[in-house]
Amino acid sequence: MYAAVVIDSLKFARERGQLSGKVQVAAMARLNDILYDNRGDLVYRIQGGSDTQGRPILELKITGIVHLQCQRCLKSLEHAVDCDTALRLIAGSAEQVDREQDDDPDTPDCIEANTELNVDELIEDELVLALPVHPRHLSDVCRSKPVVADGQQRRETPAFGGLAALLKISEKSTKE
C-alpha cells in the first residue's frame, strides 16, 4: 500500500508545479463495475499553470490501457486511454463559474481549488469521464458469433442465449 499524493492545487498552479507518476488500475475502486479486470497501470502527468486570462489551471494527461467489458460479447476489450484535459481552479463553490462560459465547449472544466487535492482521486474522476459509456469491439473483430436463421444473419448475444433456449422449449411443448 502506498500513501496518496496530495497537492495544494492553487499553490501548485501558481508555482507551475509538475508531477508525474503511475497509478494502479486496481487502486481505483469506482472503476470496478466498469472494468472487465483491473490489471495494469496508468501513467499520469499534472502541470500547473494559468489560462490566457491568468486564472489558475491544472493540465492533466493520463495514458495507459484498461480492460473494459464489450457490450456485444461480454468479453475483455482492451481500451487505450489517452486523456488530455485542462481543469480551471475556482475558489469557493462551483456556482461561482461565469454563466456565459457554460456554452463554450473550448473552456476548461472547473473544479474547486483545494489545499489537499488527492491526485489519485482526480485521476480516477477524469478516467471515469473519459471512458466510453457502451464499450464494444468493432463488429468485424467482436467475438460474438453470428447466427443464421430464416436466411437472416443476426448476432448471438450471450445475455439472451438462455432466453432463446427457453423459447424453443416453450414452442416445442405447445406443439405436443
C-alpha atoms as a PDB file:
ATOM      1  CA  MET A   1       0.000   0.000   0.000  1.00  0.00           C
ATOM      2  CA  TYR A   2       1.294   3.446  -0.814  1.00  0.00           C
ATOM      3  CA  ALA A   3       0.469   6.897   0.535  1.00  0.00           C
ATOM      4  CA  ALA A   4      -1.838   9.082  -1.531  1.00  0.00           C
ATOM      5  CA  VAL A   5      -0.265  12.026  -3.332  1.00  0.00           C
ATOM      6  CA  VAL A   6      -1.841  15.284  -2.130  1.00  0.00           C
ATOM      7  CA  ILE A   7      -1.203  18.787  -3.504  1.00  0.00           C
ATOM      8  CA  ASP A   8      -2.335  22.327  -2.695  1.00  0.00           C
ATOM      9  CA  SER A   9      -3.943  22.944  -6.084  1.00  0.00           C
ATOM     10  CA  LEU A  10      -3.740  26.777  -6.166  1.00  0.00           C
ATOM     11  CA  LYS A  11      -0.147  26.829  -4.946  1.00  0.00           C
ATOM     12  CA  PHE A  12       0.739  24.074  -7.421  1.00  0.00           C
ATOM     13  CA  ALA A  13      -0.800  26.082 -10.304  1.00  0.00           C
ATOM     14  CA  ARG A  14       0.787  29.400  -9.242  1.00  0.00           C
ATOM     15  CA  GLU A  15       4.227  27.811  -8.936  1.00  0.00           C
ATOM     16  CA  ARG A  16       3.758  25.970 -12.238  1.00  0.00           C
ATOM     17  CA  GLY A  17       4.378  22.681 -10.470  1.00  0.00           C
ATOM     18  CA  GLN A  18       4.818  19.461 -12.340  1.00  0.00           C
ATOM     19  CA  LEU A  19       4.102  15.969 -11.091  1.00  0.00           C
ATOM     20  CA  SER A  20       4.183  12.639 -12.872  1.00  0.00           C
ATOM     21  CA  GLY A  21       3.922   9.011 -11.920  1.00  0.00           C
ATOM     22  CA  LYS A  22       1.960   5.779 -12.169  1.00  0.00           C
ATOM     23  CA  VAL A  23      -1.266   4.692 -10.547  1.00  0.00           C
ATOM     24  CA  GLN A  24      -2.536   1.116 -10.430  1.00  0.00           C
ATOM     25  CA  VAL A  25      -5.874   0.471 -12.092  1.00  0.00           C
ATOM     26  CA  ALA A  26      -6.685  -1.892  -9.188  1.00  0.00           C
ATOM     27  CA  ALA A  27      -6.474   1.071  -6.781  1.00  0.00           C
ATOM     28  CA  MET A  28      -9.436   2.782  -8.466  1.00  0.00           C
ATOM     29  CA  ALA A  29     -12.408   1.266  -6.645  1.00  0.00           C
ATOM     30  CA  ARG A  30     -15.072   3.232  -8.560  1.00  0.00           C
ATOM     31  CA  LEU A  31     -13.972   1.589 -11.804  1.00  0.00           C
ATOM     32  CA  ASN A  32     -14.609  -1.985 -10.624  1.00  0.00           C
ATOM     33  CA  ASP A  33     -18.133  -2.078 -12.085  1.00  0.00           C
ATOM     34  CA  ILE A  34     -16.968  -0.696 -15.433  1.00  0.00           C
ATOM     35  CA  LEU A  35     -13.864  -2.811 -15.992  1.00  0.00           C
ATOM     36  CA  TYR A  36     -13.546  -6.409 -17.146  1.00  0.00           C
ATOM     37  CA  ASP A  37     -10.498  -6.732 -14.892  1.00  0.00           C
ATOM     38  CA  ASN A  38      -8.237  -4.323 -13.045  1.00  0.00           C
ATOM     39  CA  ARG A  39      -4.829  -5.255 -14.455  1.00  0.00           C
ATOM     40  CA  GLY A  40      -2.233  -2.657 -15.318  1.00  0.00           C
ATOM     41  CA  ASP A  41      -1.033   0.817 -14.514  1.00  0.00           C
ATOM     42  CA  LEU A  42      -1.809   4.248 -15.872  1.00  0.00           C
ATOM     43  CA  VAL A  43       0.825   6.920 -16.377  1.00  0.00           C
ATOM     44  CA  TYR A  44      -0.100  10.492 -15.483  1.00  0.00           C
ATOM     45  CA  ARG A  45       1.371  13.978 -15.653  1.00  0.00           C
ATOM     46  CA  ILE A  46      -0.042  17.077 -13.972  1.00  0.00           C
ATOM     47  CA  GLN A  47       1.227  20.522 -14.901  1.00  0.00           C
ATOM     48  CA  GLY A  48       0.194  23.685 -13.059  1.00  0.00           C
ATOM     49  CA  GLY A  49      -0.207  26.971 -14.860  1.00  0.00           C
ATOM     50  CA  SER A  50      -2.663  29.663 -15.881  1.00  0.00           C
ATOM     51  CA  ASP A  51      -5.009  30.248 -18.801  1.00  0.00           C
ATOM     52  CA  THR A  52      -4.909  33.216 -21.188  1.00  0.00           C
ATOM     53  CA  GLN A  53      -6.787  35.333 -18.638  1.00  0.00           C
ATOM     54  CA  GLY A  54      -4.356  34.487 -15.829  1.00  0.00           C
ATOM     55  CA  ARG A  55      -6.705  32.109 -13.998  1.00  0.00           C
ATOM     56  CA  PRO A  56      -5.103  29.035 -12.379  1.00  0.00           C
ATOM     57  CA  ILE A  57      -5.406  25.715 -14.213  1.00  0.00           C
ATOM     58  CA  LEU A  58      -4.154  22.165 -13.935  1.00  0.00           C
ATOM     59  CA  GLU A  59      -3.316  20.315 -17.139  1.00  0.00           C
ATOM     60  CA  LEU A  60      -3.744  16.569 -16.718  1.00  0.00           C
ATOM     61  CA  LYS A  61      -2.518  13.858 -19.093  1.00  0.00           C
ATOM     62  CA  ILE A  62      -3.364  10.171 -18.471  1.00  0.00           C
ATOM     63  CA  THR A  63      -2.209   7.306 -20.700  1.00  0.00           C
ATOM     64  CA  GLY A  64      -2.336   3.541 -20.475  1.00  0.00           C
ATOM     65  CA  ILE A  65      -4.511   0.511 -21.143  1.00  0.00           C
ATOM     66  CA  VAL A  66      -7.657  -0.567 -19.305  1.00  0.00           C
ATOM     67  CA  HIS A  67      -9.712  -3.698 -19.917  1.00  0.00           C
ATOM     68  CA  LEU A  68     -13.401  -2.935 -20.378  1.00  0.00           C
ATOM     69  CA  GLN A  69     -16.250  -5.388 -20.958  1.00  0.00           C
ATOM     70  CA  CYS A  70     -17.550  -5.472 -24.532  1.00  0.00           C
ATOM     71  CA  GLN A  71     -21.312  -4.895 -24.545  1.00  0.00           C
ATOM     72  CA  ARG A  72     -21.739  -7.245 -27.535  1.00  0.00           C
ATOM     73  CA  CYS A  73     -19.851 -10.373 -26.480  1.00  0.00           C
ATOM     74  CA  LEU A  74     -19.216  -9.625 -22.769  1.00  0.00           C
ATOM     75  CA  LYS A  75     -15.502 -10.428 -23.213  1.00  0.00           C
ATOM     76  CA  SER A  76     -12.467  -8.306 -22.461  1.00  0.00           C
ATOM     77  CA  LEU A  77     -11.937  -5.222 -24.612  1.00  0.00           C
ATOM     78  CA  GLU A  78      -8.542  -3.564 -24.447  1.00  0.00           C
ATOM     79  CA  HIS A  79      -9.076   0.209 -24.412  1.00  0.00           C
ATOM     80  CA  ALA A  80      -6.242   2.688 -24.860  1.00  0.00           C
ATOM     81  CA  VAL A  81      -6.558   5.642 -22.504  1.00  0.00           C
ATOM     82  CA  ASP A  82      -5.245   8.946 -23.826  1.00  0.00           C
ATOM     83  CA  CYS A  83      -6.882  11.623 -21.711  1.00  0.00           C
ATOM     84  CA  ASP A  84      -5.585  15.178 -22.047  1.00  0.00           C
ATOM     85  CA  THR A  85      -7.604  17.765 -20.151  1.00  0.00           C
ATOM     86  CA  ALA A  86      -7.313  21.204 -18.592  1.00  0.00           C
ATOM     87  CA  LEU A  87      -9.107  21.983 -15.341  1.00  0.00           C
ATOM     88  CA  ARG A  88      -9.662  25.559 -14.203  1.00  0.00           C
ATOM     89  CA  LEU A  89      -9.407  26.045 -10.456  1.00  0.00           C
ATOM     90  CA  ILE A  90     -12.056  28.188  -8.800  1.00  0.00           C
ATOM     91  CA  ALA A  91     -12.197  29.376  -5.228  1.00  0.00           C
ATOM     92  CA  GLY A  92     -15.418  28.557  -3.383  1.00  0.00           C
ATOM     93  CA  SER A  93     -18.310  26.602  -4.826  1.00  0.00           C
ATOM     94  CA  ALA A  94     -18.784  25.698  -8.470  1.00  0.00           C
ATOM     95  CA  GLU A  95     -21.765  28.077  -8.627  1.00  0.00           C
ATOM     96  CA  GLN A  96     -19.346  30.992  -8.989  1.00  0.00           C
ATOM     97  CA  VAL A  97     -18.382  29.992 -12.543  1.00  0.00           C
ATOM     98  CA  ASP A  98     -19.250  32.555 -15.192  1.00  0.00           C
ATOM     99  CA  ARG A  99     -22.545  31.537 -16.808  1.00  0.00           C
ATOM    100  CA  GLU A 100     -21.534  32.766 -20.272  1.00  0.00           C
ATOM    101  CA  GLN A 101     -18.739  30.195 -20.351  1.00  0.00           C
ATOM    102  CA  ASP A 102     -21.172  27.304 -19.814  1.00  0.00           C
ATOM    103  CA  ASP A 103     -21.990  27.282 -23.540  1.00  0.00           C
ATOM    104  CA  ASP A 104     -18.408  27.429 -24.822  1.00  0.00           C
ATOM    105  CA  PRO A 105     -17.035  23.902 -25.416  1.00  0.00           C
ATOM    106  CA  ASP A 106     -13.456  25.211 -25.577  1.00  0.00           C
ATOM    107  CA  THR A 107     -13.377  26.462 -21.994  1.00  0.00           C
ATOM    108  CA  PRO A 108     -11.834  24.069 -19.500  1.00  0.00           C
ATOM    109  CA  ASP A 109     -13.953  22.252 -16.957  1.00  0.00           C
ATOM    110  CA  CYS A 110     -13.844  23.779 -13.499  1.00  0.00           C
ATOM    111  CA  ILE A 111     -13.028  22.173 -10.194  1.00  0.00           C
ATOM    112  CA  GLU A 112     -12.948  23.690  -6.746  1.00  0.00           C
ATOM    113  CA  ALA A 113      -9.483  24.676  -5.553  1.00  0.00           C
ATOM    114  CA  ASN A 114      -8.379  22.509  -2.680  1.00  0.00           C
ATOM    115  CA  THR A 115      -5.440  22.754  -0.286  1.00  0.00           C
ATOM    116  CA  GLU A 116      -5.443  18.948  -0.067  1.00  0.00           C
ATOM    117  CA  LEU A 117      -6.299  17.740  -3.573  1.00  0.00           C
ATOM    118  CA  ASN A 118      -5.878  13.954  -3.778  1.00  0.00           C
ATOM    119  CA  VAL A 119      -4.155  13.309  -7.115  1.00  0.00           C
ATOM    120  CA  ASP A 120      -5.290   9.660  -7.315  1.00  0.00           C
ATOM    121  CA  GLU A 121      -8.941  10.695  -6.878  1.00  0.00           C
ATOM    122  CA  LEU A 122      -8.548  13.418  -9.517  1.00  0.00           C
ATOM    123  CA  ILE A 123      -7.109  10.870 -11.957  1.00  0.00           C
ATOM    124  CA  GLU A 124      -9.940   8.442 -11.206  1.00  0.00           C
ATOM    125  CA  ASP A 125     -12.552  11.192 -11.720  1.00  0.00           C
ATOM    126  CA  GLU A 126     -11.135  12.129 -15.113  1.00  0.00           C
ATOM    127  CA  LEU A 127     -10.792   8.498 -16.169  1.00  0.00           C
ATOM    128  CA  VAL A 128     -14.438   7.764 -15.318  1.00  0.00           C
ATOM    129  CA  LEU A 129     -15.451  10.709 -17.515  1.00  0.00           C
ATOM    130  CA  ALA A 130     -13.136   9.673 -20.369  1.00  0.00           C
ATOM    131  CA  LEU A 131     -14.216   6.028 -20.707  1.00  0.00           C
ATOM    132  CA  PRO A 132     -16.865   5.087 -23.286  1.00  0.00           C
ATOM    133  CA  VAL A 133     -20.375   4.540 -21.943  1.00  0.00           C
ATOM    134  CA  HIS A 134     -21.036   1.480 -24.134  1.00  0.00           C
ATOM    135  CA  PRO A 135     -17.680  -0.126 -24.990  1.00  0.00           C
ATOM    136  CA  ARG A 136     -17.791  -2.553 -27.906  1.00  0.00           C
ATOM    137  CA  HIS A 137     -15.337  -4.334 -30.144  1.00  0.00           C
ATOM    138  CA  LEU A 138     -15.521  -3.362 -33.784  1.00  0.00           C
ATOM    139  CA  SER A 139     -18.192  -5.530 -35.386  1.00  0.00           C
ATOM    140  CA  ASP A 140     -15.662  -7.399 -37.553  1.00  0.00           C
ATOM    141  CA  VAL A 141     -13.469  -8.358 -34.560  1.00  0.00           C
ATOM    142  CA  CYS A 142     -16.102  -8.931 -31.904  1.00  0.00           C
ATOM    143  CA  ARG A 143     -16.048 -12.489 -30.597  1.00  0.00           C
ATOM    144  CA  SER A 144     -19.825 -12.906 -30.584  1.00  0.00           C
ATOM    145  CA  LYS A 145     -20.885 -15.432 -33.226  1.00  0.00           C
ATOM    146  CA  PRO A 146     -23.366 -14.651 -36.000  1.00  0.00           C
ATOM    147  CA  VAL A 147     -26.452 -16.852 -36.054  1.00  0.00           C
ATOM    148  CA  VAL A 148     -28.124 -17.685 -39.350  1.00  0.00           C
ATOM    149  CA  ALA A 149     -31.848 -18.378 -39.081  1.00  0.00           C
ATOM    150  CA  ASP A 150     -34.512 -17.940 -41.733  1.00  0.00           C
ATOM    151  CA  GLY A 151     -31.879 -16.692 -44.184  1.00  0.00           C
ATOM    152  CA  GLN A 152     -31.052 -13.678 -41.978  1.00  0.00           C
ATOM    153  CA  GLN A 153     -27.777 -13.191 -40.181  1.00  0.00           C
ATOM    154  CA  ARG A 154     -28.021 -11.996 -36.583  1.00  0.00           C
ATOM    155  CA  ARG A 155     -25.535 -11.666 -33.754  1.00  0.00           C
ATOM    156  CA  GLU A 156     -25.902 -14.076 -30.886  1.00  0.00           C
ATOM    157  CA  THR A 157     -25.988 -12.126 -27.659  1.00  0.00           C
ATOM    158  CA  PRO A 158     -24.858 -14.077 -24.601  1.00  0.00           C
ATOM    159  CA  ALA A 159     -27.330 -12.321 -22.324  1.00  0.00           C
ATOM    160  CA  PHE A 160     -30.291 -13.583 -24.365  1.00  0.00           C
ATOM    161  CA  GLY A 161     -28.934 -17.016 -25.303  1.00  0.00           C
ATOM    162  CA  GLY A 162     -30.727 -18.641 -22.374  1.00  0.00           C
ATOM    163  CA  LEU A 163     -33.994 -16.965 -23.298  1.00  0.00           C
ATOM    164  CA  ALA A 164     -33.786 -18.343 -26.836  1.00  0.00           C
ATOM    165  CA  ALA A 165     -33.393 -21.865 -25.454  1.00  0.00           C
ATOM    166  CA  LEU A 166     -36.438 -21.362 -23.197  1.00  0.00           C
ATOM    167  CA  LEU A 167     -38.458 -20.083 -26.134  1.00  0.00           C
ATOM    168  CA  LYS A 168     -37.599 -23.206 -28.166  1.00  0.00           C
ATOM    169  CA  ILE A 169     -38.664 -25.452 -25.243  1.00  0.00           C
ATOM    170  CA  SER A 170     -41.898 -23.489 -24.886  1.00  0.00           C
ATOM    171  CA  GLU A 171     -42.686 -23.741 -28.616  1.00  0.00           C
ATOM    172  CA  LYS A 172     -41.945 -27.476 -28.583  1.00  0.00           C
ATOM    173  CA  SER A 173     -44.262 -28.126 -25.616  1.00  0.00           C
ATOM    174  CA  THR A 174     -47.158 -26.183 -27.168  1.00  0.00           C
ATOM    175  CA  LYS A 175     -46.930 -28.225 -30.393  1.00  0.00           C
ATOM    176  CA  GLU A 176     -47.274 -31.503 -28.484  1.00  0.00           C
END
